[in-house]
Amino acid sequence: MEQFSQKDKEIYHLCTQYADEAVARAEEYRQAFLDTGGTEKEWADHHIAIKVGFKVKSQTDRYLSVAVTGTENWTSAYSETRYYNFDLKTGTAVTLKDLLGDDYIRIADAGIRRQIKEREEAGADYWEQDFTGITKDTEFYINKAGNPVIVFGKYEIAPGAAGEPEFEIVK
């Protein structure tokens, strides 16, 4: 049980970290607003709101994957999701390289390109030219099968109607 309470603390820390960053962004925006002639009353009328939460994407005997989502309305509706993956046996963060091996970029890129092609053949619309390959910082979570699921942001490789496209990578 101690391990889970430690994970709870880590998740709380990740949510707090996002909230602190969002508050700093809002404060920068506020200062720019005031510096360009806006008043404190006009600023107050913006009704700035920052919300942060998390969702457990999956938990197995080995892995815990969490999505931390934040929304900010200080300019327009803005949201961001960050994914965190933990090895419950070692207590460390898990990377794509840990799951797929040294050749993880080639393996993931090939899997994503194959799935994009399959989805396009079924009628989906992707911007293939916008997919240039993953990096070590590509967002992913681990599903219940233990496979990484790579997640792209809205509009990153497909029209907004596609939401946040996900690609399960099976080695």
C-alpha atoms as a PDB file:
ATOM      1  CA  MET A   1       0.000   0.000   0.000  1.00  0.00           C
ATOM      2  CA  GLU A   2       2.937   2.344   0.628  1.00  0.00           C
ATOM      3  CA  GLN A   3       3.836   2.115  -3.066  1.00  0.00           C
ATOM      4  CA  PHE A   4       0.393   3.345  -4.067  1.00  0.00           C
ATOM      5  CA  SER A   5       0.427   6.182  -1.576  1.00  0.00           C
ATOM      6  CA  GLN A   6       3.809   7.209  -3.020  1.00  0.00           C
ATOM      7  CA  LYS A   7       2.270   7.092  -6.530  1.00  0.00           C
ATOM      8  CA  ASP A   8      -0.643   9.192  -5.261  1.00  0.00           C
ATOM      9  CA  LYS A   9       1.900  11.761  -4.069  1.00  0.00           C
ATOM     10  CA  GLU A  10       3.659  11.690  -7.436  1.00  0.00           C
ATOM     11  CA  ILE A  11       0.379  12.185  -9.309  1.00  0.00           C
ATOM     12  CA  TYR A  12      -0.548  15.038  -6.988  1.00  0.00           C
ATOM     13  CA  HIS A  13       2.875  16.579  -7.636  1.00  0.00           C
ATOM     14  CA  LEU A  14       2.400  16.271 -11.427  1.00  0.00           C
ATOM     15  CA  CYS A  15      -1.017  17.954 -11.212  1.00  0.00           C
ATOM     16  CA  THR A  16       0.367  20.707  -8.978  1.00  0.00           C
ATOM     17  CA  GLN A  17       3.299  21.223 -11.335  1.00  0.00           C
ATOM     18  CA  TYR A  18       0.912  21.699 -14.280  1.00  0.00           C
ATOM     19  CA  ALA A  19      -1.259  24.091 -12.250  1.00  0.00           C
ATOM     20  CA  ASP A  20       1.776  26.169 -11.224  1.00  0.00           C
ATOM     21  CA  GLU A  21       2.883  26.412 -14.866  1.00  0.00           C
ATOM     22  CA  ALA A  22      -0.648  27.432 -15.922  1.00  0.00           C
ATOM     23  CA  VAL A  23      -0.801  30.118 -13.231  1.00  0.00           C
ATOM     24  CA  ALA A  24       2.559  31.472 -14.426  1.00  0.00           C
ATOM     25  CA  ARG A  25       1.281  31.575 -18.036  1.00  0.00           C
ATOM     26  CA  ALA A  26      -1.871  33.390 -16.931  1.00  0.00           C
ATOM     27  CA  GLU A  27       0.177  35.886 -14.922  1.00  0.00           C
ATOM     28  CA  GLU A  28       2.376  36.572 -17.960  1.00  0.00           C
ATOM     29  CA  TYR A  29      -0.769  37.140 -20.024  1.00  0.00           C
ATOM     30  CA  ARG A  30      -2.194  39.423 -17.322  1.00  0.00           C
ATOM     31  CA  GLN A  31       0.973  41.503 -17.254  1.00  0.00           C
ATOM     32  CA  ALA A  32       0.997  41.816 -21.064  1.00  0.00           C
ATOM     33  CA  PHE A  33      -2.689  42.789 -20.939  1.00  0.00           C
ATOM     34  CA  LEU A  34      -2.000  45.522 -18.383  1.00  0.00           C
ATOM     35  CA  ASP A  35       1.172  46.670 -20.169  1.00  0.00           C
ATOM     36  CA  THR A  36      -0.810  47.231 -23.371  1.00  0.00           C
ATOM     37  CA  GLY A  37      -3.474  49.407 -21.768  1.00  0.00           C
ATOM     38  CA  GLY A  38      -5.886  46.950 -20.182  1.00  0.00           C
ATOM     39  CA  THR A  39      -7.242  47.740 -16.725  1.00  0.00           C
ATOM     40  CA  GLU A  40      -7.520  45.558 -13.631  1.00  0.00           C
ATOM     41  CA  LYS A  41     -11.329  45.686 -13.945  1.00  0.00           C
ATOM     42  CA  GLU A  42     -11.186  44.560 -17.570  1.00  0.00           C
ATOM     43  CA  TRP A  43      -8.826  41.793 -16.523  1.00  0.00           C
ATOM     44  CA  ALA A  44     -11.194  40.688 -13.764  1.00  0.00           C
ATOM     45  CA  ASP A  45     -14.000  40.507 -16.328  1.00  0.00           C
ATOM     46  CA  HIS A  46     -12.052  37.751 -18.126  1.00  0.00           C
ATOM     47  CA  HIS A  47     -12.970  35.280 -15.344  1.00  0.00           C
ATOM     48  CA  ILE A  48      -9.749  33.326 -15.674  1.00  0.00           C
ATOM     49  CA  ALA A  49     -10.125  29.642 -14.799  1.00  0.00           C
ATOM     50  CA  ILE A  50      -7.527  26.886 -14.623  1.00  0.00           C
ATOM     51  CA  LYS A  51      -8.600  23.293 -14.047  1.00  0.00           C
ATOM     52  CA  VAL A  52      -6.293  20.321 -13.612  1.00  0.00           C
ATOM     53  CA  GLY A  53      -7.193  16.680 -13.181  1.00  0.00           C
ATOM     54  CA  PHE A  54      -5.962  13.218 -13.957  1.00  0.00           C
ATOM     55  CA  LYS A  55      -7.239   9.941 -15.290  1.00  0.00           C
ATOM     56  CA  VAL A  56      -5.700   6.538 -14.793  1.00  0.00           C
ATOM     57  CA  LYS A  57      -5.353   5.213 -18.348  1.00  0.00           C
ATOM     58  CA  SER A  58      -4.418   1.733 -17.173  1.00  0.00           C
ATOM     59  CA  GLN A  59      -2.993  -0.115 -14.223  1.00  0.00           C
ATOM     60  CA  THR A  60      -1.576  -3.610 -14.310  1.00  0.00           C
ATOM     61  CA  ASP A  61       0.614  -5.580 -11.933  1.00  0.00           C
ATOM     62  CA  ARG A  62       3.609  -3.994 -13.658  1.00  0.00           C
ATOM     63  CA  TYR A  63       2.622  -0.546 -14.974  1.00  0.00           C
ATOM     64  CA  LEU A  64       0.596   2.512 -14.076  1.00  0.00           C
ATOM     65  CA  SER A  65      -0.244   5.029 -16.808  1.00  0.00           C
ATOM     66  CA  VAL A  66      -1.767   8.383 -15.921  1.00  0.00           C
ATOM     67  CA  ALA A  67      -2.980  11.275 -18.069  1.00  0.00           C
ATOM     68  CA  VAL A  68      -2.785  14.720 -16.436  1.00  0.00           C
ATOM     69  CA  THR A  69      -5.113  17.142 -18.208  1.00  0.00           C
ATOM     70  CA  GLY A  70      -5.284  20.847 -17.740  1.00  0.00           C
ATOM     71  CA  THR A  71      -7.633  23.411 -19.233  1.00  0.00           C
ATOM     72  CA  GLU A  72      -7.070  27.127 -19.231  1.00  0.00           C
ATOM     73  CA  ASN A  73      -9.427  29.830 -20.459  1.00  0.00           C
ATOM     74  CA  TRP A  74      -7.145  32.853 -20.175  1.00  0.00           C
ATOM     75  CA  THR A  75      -7.047  33.475 -23.933  1.00  0.00           C
ATOM     76  CA  SER A  76      -9.449  30.965 -25.373  1.00  0.00           C
ATOM     77  CA  ALA A  77     -10.215  27.425 -24.415  1.00  0.00           C
ATOM     78  CA  TYR A  78      -6.833  25.701 -24.180  1.00  0.00           C
ATOM     79  CA  SER A  79      -6.147  22.207 -22.984  1.00  0.00           C
ATOM     80  CA  GLU A  80      -3.122  19.996 -22.720  1.00  0.00           C
ATOM     81  CA  THR A  81      -2.677  16.375 -21.735  1.00  0.00           C
ATOM     82  CA  ARG A  82       0.571  14.985 -20.424  1.00  0.00           C
ATOM     83  CA  TYR A  83       1.088  11.262 -20.017  1.00  0.00           C
ATOM     84  CA  TYR A  84       3.148   9.619 -17.278  1.00  0.00           C
ATOM     85  CA  ASN A  85       4.067   5.953 -17.115  1.00  0.00           C
ATOM     86  CA  PHE A  86       5.479   4.195 -14.075  1.00  0.00           C
ATOM     87  CA  ASP A  87       7.024   0.788 -13.535  1.00  0.00           C
ATOM     88  CA  LEU A  88       5.410  -0.326 -10.271  1.00  0.00           C
ATOM     89  CA  LYS A  89       8.147  -2.846  -9.536  1.00  0.00           C
ATOM     90  CA  THR A  90      11.020  -0.343  -9.740  1.00  0.00           C
ATOM     91  CA  GLY A  91       9.154   2.915  -9.091  1.00  0.00           C
ATOM     92  CA  THR A  92      10.761   4.528 -12.140  1.00  0.00           C
ATOM     93  CA  ALA A  93       9.352   6.271 -15.189  1.00  0.00           C
ATOM     94  CA  VAL A  94       8.924   4.084 -18.267  1.00  0.00           C
ATOM     95  CA  THR A  95      10.071   5.202 -21.716  1.00  0.00           C
ATOM     96  CA  LEU A  96       9.222   3.962 -25.191  1.00  0.00           C
ATOM     97  CA  LYS A  97      12.745   2.583 -25.367  1.00  0.00           C
ATOM     98  CA  ASP A  98      12.075   0.530 -22.218  1.00  0.00           C
ATOM     99  CA  LEU A  99       9.011  -1.017 -23.850  1.00  0.00           C
ATOM    100  CA  LEU A 100      10.150  -1.428 -27.464  1.00  0.00           C
ATOM    101  CA  GLY A 101      13.927  -1.691 -27.197  1.00  0.00           C
ATOM    102  CA  ASP A 102      16.778   0.250 -28.766  1.00  0.00           C
ATOM    103  CA  ASP A 103      15.053   0.372 -32.160  1.00  0.00           C
ATOM    104  CA  TYR A 104      11.900   1.944 -30.669  1.00  0.00           C
ATOM    105  CA  ILE A 105      11.755   4.901 -33.068  1.00  0.00           C
ATOM    106  CA  ARG A 106      11.795   2.706 -36.178  1.00  0.00           C
ATOM    107  CA  ILE A 107       9.298   0.258 -34.648  1.00  0.00           C
ATOM    108  CA  ALA A 108       6.877   3.010 -33.581  1.00  0.00           C
ATOM    109  CA  ASP A 109       7.185   4.991 -36.825  1.00  0.00           C
ATOM    110  CA  ALA A 110       6.489   1.893 -38.925  1.00  0.00           C
ATOM    111  CA  GLY A 111       3.470   0.978 -36.787  1.00  0.00           C
ATOM    112  CA  ILE A 112       2.039   4.491 -36.983  1.00  0.00           C
ATOM    113  CA  ARG A 113       2.549   4.766 -40.758  1.00  0.00           C
ATOM    114  CA  ARG A 114       0.877   1.370 -41.279  1.00  0.00           C
ATOM    115  CA  GLN A 115      -2.101   2.364 -39.120  1.00  0.00           C
ATOM    116  CA  ILE A 116      -2.444   5.763 -40.834  1.00  0.00           C
ATOM    117  CA  LYS A 117      -2.582   3.979 -44.209  1.00  0.00           C
ATOM    118  CA  GLU A 118      -5.186   1.485 -42.932  1.00  0.00           C
ATOM    119  CA  ARG A 119      -7.327   4.269 -41.495  1.00  0.00           C
ATOM    120  CA  GLU A 120      -7.090   6.346 -44.671  1.00  0.00           C
ATOM    121  CA  GLU A 121      -8.181   3.324 -46.718  1.00  0.00           C
ATOM    122  CA  ALA A 122     -11.202   3.113 -44.382  1.00  0.00           C
ATOM    123  CA  GLY A 123     -12.038   6.785 -45.044  1.00  0.00           C
ATOM    124  CA  ALA A 124     -10.202   8.668 -42.287  1.00  0.00           C
ATOM    125  CA  ASP A 125      -8.316  11.850 -43.108  1.00  0.00           C
ATOM    126  CA  TYR A 126      -4.708  12.249 -41.956  1.00  0.00           C
ATOM    127  CA  TRP A 127      -1.990  14.688 -42.874  1.00  0.00           C
ATOM    128  CA  GLU A 128       0.707  12.116 -43.588  1.00  0.00           C
ATOM    129  CA  GLN A 129       3.232  14.831 -44.430  1.00  0.00           C
ATOM    130  CA  ASP A 130       2.812  16.175 -40.886  1.00  0.00           C
ATOM    131  CA  PHE A 131       3.898  12.874 -39.370  1.00  0.00           C
ATOM    132  CA  THR A 132       7.676  13.114 -39.498  1.00  0.00           C
ATOM    133  CA  GLY A 133       8.337  10.466 -36.869  1.00  0.00           C
ATOM    134  CA  ILE A 134       8.367  10.183 -33.119  1.00  0.00           C
ATOM    135  CA  THR A 135      11.011  11.447 -30.721  1.00  0.00           C
ATOM    136  CA  LYS A 136      12.074  10.450 -27.236  1.00  0.00           C
ATOM    137  CA  ASP A 137       9.548  13.037 -25.967  1.00  0.00           C
ATOM    138  CA  THR A 138       6.520  11.690 -27.846  1.00  0.00           C
ATOM    139  CA  GLU A 139       3.490  11.338 -25.559  1.00  0.00           C
ATOM    140  CA  PHE A 140       2.215   7.811 -24.852  1.00  0.00           C
ATOM    141  CA  TYR A 141       0.518   5.656 -22.291  1.00  0.00           C
ATOM    142  CA  ILE A 142       0.668   1.921 -21.646  1.00  0.00           C
ATOM    143  CA  ASN A 143      -2.571   0.012 -22.225  1.00  0.00           C
ATOM    144  CA  LYS A 144      -3.766  -3.032 -20.277  1.00  0.00           C
ATOM    145  CA  ALA A 145      -2.031  -5.338 -22.780  1.00  0.00           C
ATOM    146  CA  GLY A 146       1.291  -3.699 -21.873  1.00  0.00           C
ATOM    147  CA  ASN A 147       1.646  -2.011 -25.267  1.00  0.00           C
ATOM    148  CA  PRO A 148       2.494   1.649 -25.694  1.00  0.00           C
ATOM    149  CA  VAL A 149      -0.230   3.802 -27.216  1.00  0.00           C
ATOM    150  CA  ILE A 150       1.214   6.893 -28.872  1.00  0.00           C
ATOM    151  CA  VAL A 151      -1.026   9.952 -28.691  1.00  0.00           C
ATOM    152  CA  PHE A 152      -0.918  12.980 -30.977  1.00  0.00           C
ATOM    153  CA  GLY A 153      -2.458  16.322 -30.173  1.00  0.00           C
ATOM    154  CA  LYS A 154      -5.545  17.638 -31.876  1.00  0.00           C
ATOM    155  CA  TYR A 155      -4.624  19.019 -35.332  1.00  0.00           C
ATOM    156  CA  GLU A 156      -1.097  17.590 -35.073  1.00  0.00           C
ATOM    157  CA  ILE A 157      -1.458  14.950 -37.815  1.00  0.00           C
ATOM    158  CA  ALA A 158      -5.176  15.049 -38.630  1.00  0.00           C
ATOM    159  CA  PRO A 159      -8.124  17.451 -38.775  1.00  0.00           C
ATOM    160  CA  GLY A 160      -9.566  18.541 -35.445  1.00  0.00           C
ATOM    161  CA  ALA A 161     -12.569  16.245 -35.893  1.00  0.00           C
ATOM    162  CA  ALA A 162     -10.174  13.313 -35.410  1.00  0.00           C
ATOM    163  CA  GLY A 163      -9.535  14.464 -31.840  1.00  0.00           C
ATOM    164  CA  GLU A 164      -6.273  13.165 -30.417  1.00  0.00           C
ATOM    165  CA  PRO A 165      -5.307  10.219 -32.648  1.00  0.00           C
ATOM    166  CA  GLU A 166      -3.943   7.188 -30.820  1.00  0.00           C
ATOM    167  CA  PHE A 167      -1.782   4.403 -32.209  1.00  0.00           C
ATOM    168  CA  GLU A 168      -1.144   1.160 -30.320  1.00  0.00           C
ATOM    169  CA  ILE A 169       2.325  -0.164 -31.039  1.00  0.00           C
ATOM    170  CA  VAL A 170       2.683  -3.927 -30.858  1.00  0.00           C
ATOM    171  CA  LYS A 171       6.273  -5.186 -31.021  1.00  0.00           C
END
